[in-house]
Amino acid sequence: MFARSLTLEALLAHSNQHLKDFAKRYALQRVPGSDLELQIIDRDMADDVRSVHSLSGGESFLVSLALALGLASLSSNKTQVESLFIDEGFGSLHPETLDIAIASLDTLQALGRKVGVISHVPILVERIGAKVVIEKLGGGRSSVMVVGGY
């Protein structure tokens, strides 16, 4: 129990560092008296503490991304994890939140991370410069094309 608690504290420290890079409004913390339950501190609302279940889809995306990056940081004692693939269902995000999500991915790229996004959302297809496009040809065959570049 003690080791799990220390690991969660380290994960939260890494995750909050990443969250600060692309969503300064939020911070994660443990629910007092709980082993693994998390809550959000909303800095834009005078440090109001709220349930993670109160987050919108876009906010959940940003927090989930921060946790994934925190986990990558935590697991990479000697090895830097520089790549991340996201298949997150961008189609369900509302346009303003989608802009925030894309901006956060741009921030990750600027920080030196390689981010792969699996999506059919037209705005992502337009805004992402380098793409690997896979097209079904039929008969169990596909064509793979690299479009754009860095």
Protein backbone atom coordinates (compact mmCIF):
# COMPACT_ATOMS: atom_id res chain seq x y z
CA MET A 1 0.00 0.00 0.00
CA PHE A 2 2.81 2.43 0.93
CA ALA A 3 4.74 1.74 -2.31
CA ARG A 4 1.58 2.20 -4.38
CA SER A 5 0.94 5.51 -2.64
CA LEU A 6 4.47 6.74 -3.39
CA THR A 7 4.14 5.64 -7.01
CA LEU A 8 0.85 7.52 -7.39
CA GLU A 9 2.41 10.65 -5.88
CA ALA A 10 5.31 10.42 -8.37
CA LEU A 11 2.85 9.86 -11.24
CA LEU A 12 0.85 12.91 -10.18
CA ALA A 13 3.99 15.05 -9.99
CA HIS A 14 5.00 14.06 -13.54
CA SER A 15 1.43 14.38 -14.85
CA ASN A 16 0.95 17.83 -13.33
CA GLN A 17 4.21 18.97 -14.92
CA HIS A 18 2.87 17.90 -18.33
CA LEU A 19 -0.57 19.34 -17.59
CA LYS A 20 1.07 22.68 -16.79
CA ASP A 21 2.58 22.70 -20.31
CA PHE A 22 -0.76 22.63 -22.13
CA ALA A 23 -3.59 23.19 -19.63
CA LYS A 24 -2.33 25.53 -16.91
CA ARG A 25 -5.85 25.78 -15.54
CA TYR A 26 -5.83 22.30 -13.99
CA ALA A 27 -3.84 20.21 -11.52
CA LEU A 28 -4.46 16.69 -10.32
CA GLN A 29 -4.38 15.58 -6.72
CA ARG A 30 -5.46 12.60 -4.64
CA VAL A 31 -8.80 12.67 -2.89
CA PRO A 32 -7.97 12.96 0.84
CA GLY A 33 -8.48 9.66 2.65
CA SER A 34 -8.56 7.69 -0.62
CA ASP A 35 -5.86 5.39 -1.94
CA LEU A 36 -6.26 5.88 -5.68
CA GLU A 37 -9.10 8.32 -6.35
CA LEU A 38 -8.16 11.59 -8.05
CA GLN A 39 -9.69 15.05 -8.16
CA ILE A 40 -9.04 18.23 -10.10
CA ILE A 41 -7.92 21.62 -8.82
CA ASP A 42 -9.36 24.31 -11.10
CA ARG A 43 -7.02 27.30 -10.85
CA ASP A 44 -9.32 29.50 -12.96
CA MET A 45 -12.06 28.99 -10.35
CA ALA A 46 -10.08 30.11 -7.27
CA ASP A 47 -8.52 26.63 -6.83
CA ASP A 48 -11.93 24.98 -6.64
CA VAL A 49 -11.60 21.24 -6.08
CA ARG A 50 -13.89 19.07 -8.15
CA SER A 51 -14.40 15.49 -9.20
CA VAL A 52 -12.67 14.21 -12.32
CA HIS A 53 -16.16 13.07 -13.36
CA SER A 54 -17.16 16.73 -13.76
CA LEU A 55 -14.69 17.26 -16.61
CA SER A 56 -15.99 17.81 -20.13
CA GLY A 57 -14.83 15.54 -22.95
CA GLY A 58 -12.06 17.96 -23.93
CA GLU A 59 -10.92 18.48 -20.36
CA SER A 60 -10.87 14.72 -19.85
CA PHE A 61 -8.77 14.42 -23.00
CA LEU A 62 -6.17 16.88 -21.68
CA VAL A 63 -6.03 15.26 -18.24
CA SER A 64 -5.80 11.76 -19.78
CA LEU A 65 -3.00 12.96 -22.04
CA ALA A 66 -1.14 14.41 -19.05
CA LEU A 67 -1.55 11.12 -17.15
CA ALA A 68 -0.29 9.13 -20.16
CA LEU A 69 2.74 11.39 -20.46
CA GLY A 70 3.27 11.22 -16.69
CA LEU A 71 3.21 7.44 -16.88
CA ALA A 72 5.73 7.55 -19.75
CA SER A 73 7.96 9.84 -17.66
CA LEU A 74 7.61 7.58 -14.64
CA SER A 75 8.46 4.45 -16.59
CA SER A 76 11.48 5.92 -18.33
CA ASN A 77 14.16 6.08 -15.66
CA LYS A 78 16.99 5.55 -18.14
CA THR A 79 15.13 5.72 -21.44
CA GLN A 80 13.37 8.81 -22.73
CA VAL A 81 9.94 8.00 -24.18
CA GLU A 82 9.69 10.43 -27.06
CA SER A 83 6.81 8.96 -29.06
CA LEU A 84 3.12 8.79 -28.32
CA PHE A 85 0.25 7.39 -30.39
CA ILE A 86 -3.25 8.64 -29.70
CA ASP A 87 -6.44 7.02 -30.92
CA GLU A 88 -8.75 9.07 -28.74
CA GLY A 89 -12.01 9.54 -30.62
CA PHE A 90 -11.42 13.15 -31.63
CA GLY A 91 -14.74 13.10 -33.49
CA SER A 92 -16.63 13.40 -30.21
CA LEU A 93 -14.91 16.66 -29.20
CA HIS A 94 -16.70 19.95 -29.70
CA PRO A 95 -14.84 22.40 -32.05
CA GLU A 96 -13.35 24.67 -29.34
CA THR A 97 -12.15 21.67 -27.34
CA LEU A 98 -10.74 20.10 -30.49
CA ASP A 99 -8.70 23.30 -31.00
CA ILE A 100 -7.36 22.98 -27.43
CA ALA A 101 -6.51 19.31 -28.03
CA ILE A 102 -4.69 20.11 -31.29
CA ALA A 103 -2.82 22.98 -29.61
CA SER A 104 -1.74 20.62 -26.82
CA LEU A 105 -0.45 18.14 -29.40
CA ASP A 106 1.42 20.98 -31.12
CA THR A 107 2.95 21.86 -27.73
CA LEU A 108 4.08 18.26 -27.27
CA GLN A 109 5.72 18.32 -30.68
CA ALA A 110 7.44 21.62 -29.82
CA LEU A 111 8.74 19.96 -26.64
CA GLY A 112 10.42 17.31 -28.79
CA ARG A 113 7.81 14.54 -28.58
CA LYS A 114 6.79 12.59 -31.66
CA VAL A 115 3.00 12.32 -31.63
CA GLY A 116 1.07 9.97 -33.88
CA VAL A 117 -2.66 10.57 -34.16
CA ILE A 118 -5.04 7.97 -35.53
CA SER A 119 -8.10 9.85 -36.75
CA HIS A 120 -10.62 10.41 -39.52
CA VAL A 121 -11.63 13.88 -38.27
CA PRO A 122 -11.28 16.27 -41.27
CA ILE A 123 -9.87 19.21 -39.24
CA LEU A 124 -7.07 16.98 -37.93
CA VAL A 125 -6.30 15.75 -41.42
CA GLU A 126 -6.02 19.40 -42.52
CA ARG A 127 -3.95 20.65 -39.57
CA ILE A 128 -1.41 17.85 -39.23
CA GLY A 129 1.51 18.44 -41.57
CA ALA A 130 3.04 14.97 -41.90
CA LYS A 131 0.64 12.11 -42.51
CA VAL A 132 0.74 8.41 -43.22
CA VAL A 133 -2.36 7.71 -45.28
CA ILE A 134 -3.54 4.11 -45.51
CA GLU A 135 -6.09 3.26 -48.16
CA LYS A 136 -7.85 -0.08 -48.55
CA LEU A 137 -7.44 -1.53 -52.02
CA GLY A 138 -9.53 -4.66 -51.50
CA GLY A 139 -8.55 -8.31 -51.48
CA GLY A 140 -6.70 -7.85 -48.20
CA ARG A 141 -4.36 -5.23 -49.70
CA SER A 142 -3.73 -1.60 -48.79
CA SER A 143 -1.62 1.25 -50.07
CA VAL A 144 0.51 3.31 -47.72
CA MET A 145 1.48 6.86 -48.64
CA VAL A 146 3.49 9.45 -46.71
CA VAL A 147 2.16 12.98 -47.30
CA GLY A 148 3.92 16.16 -46.14
CA GLY A 149 6.88 16.21 -43.86
CA TYR A 150 8.66 18.09 -41.13
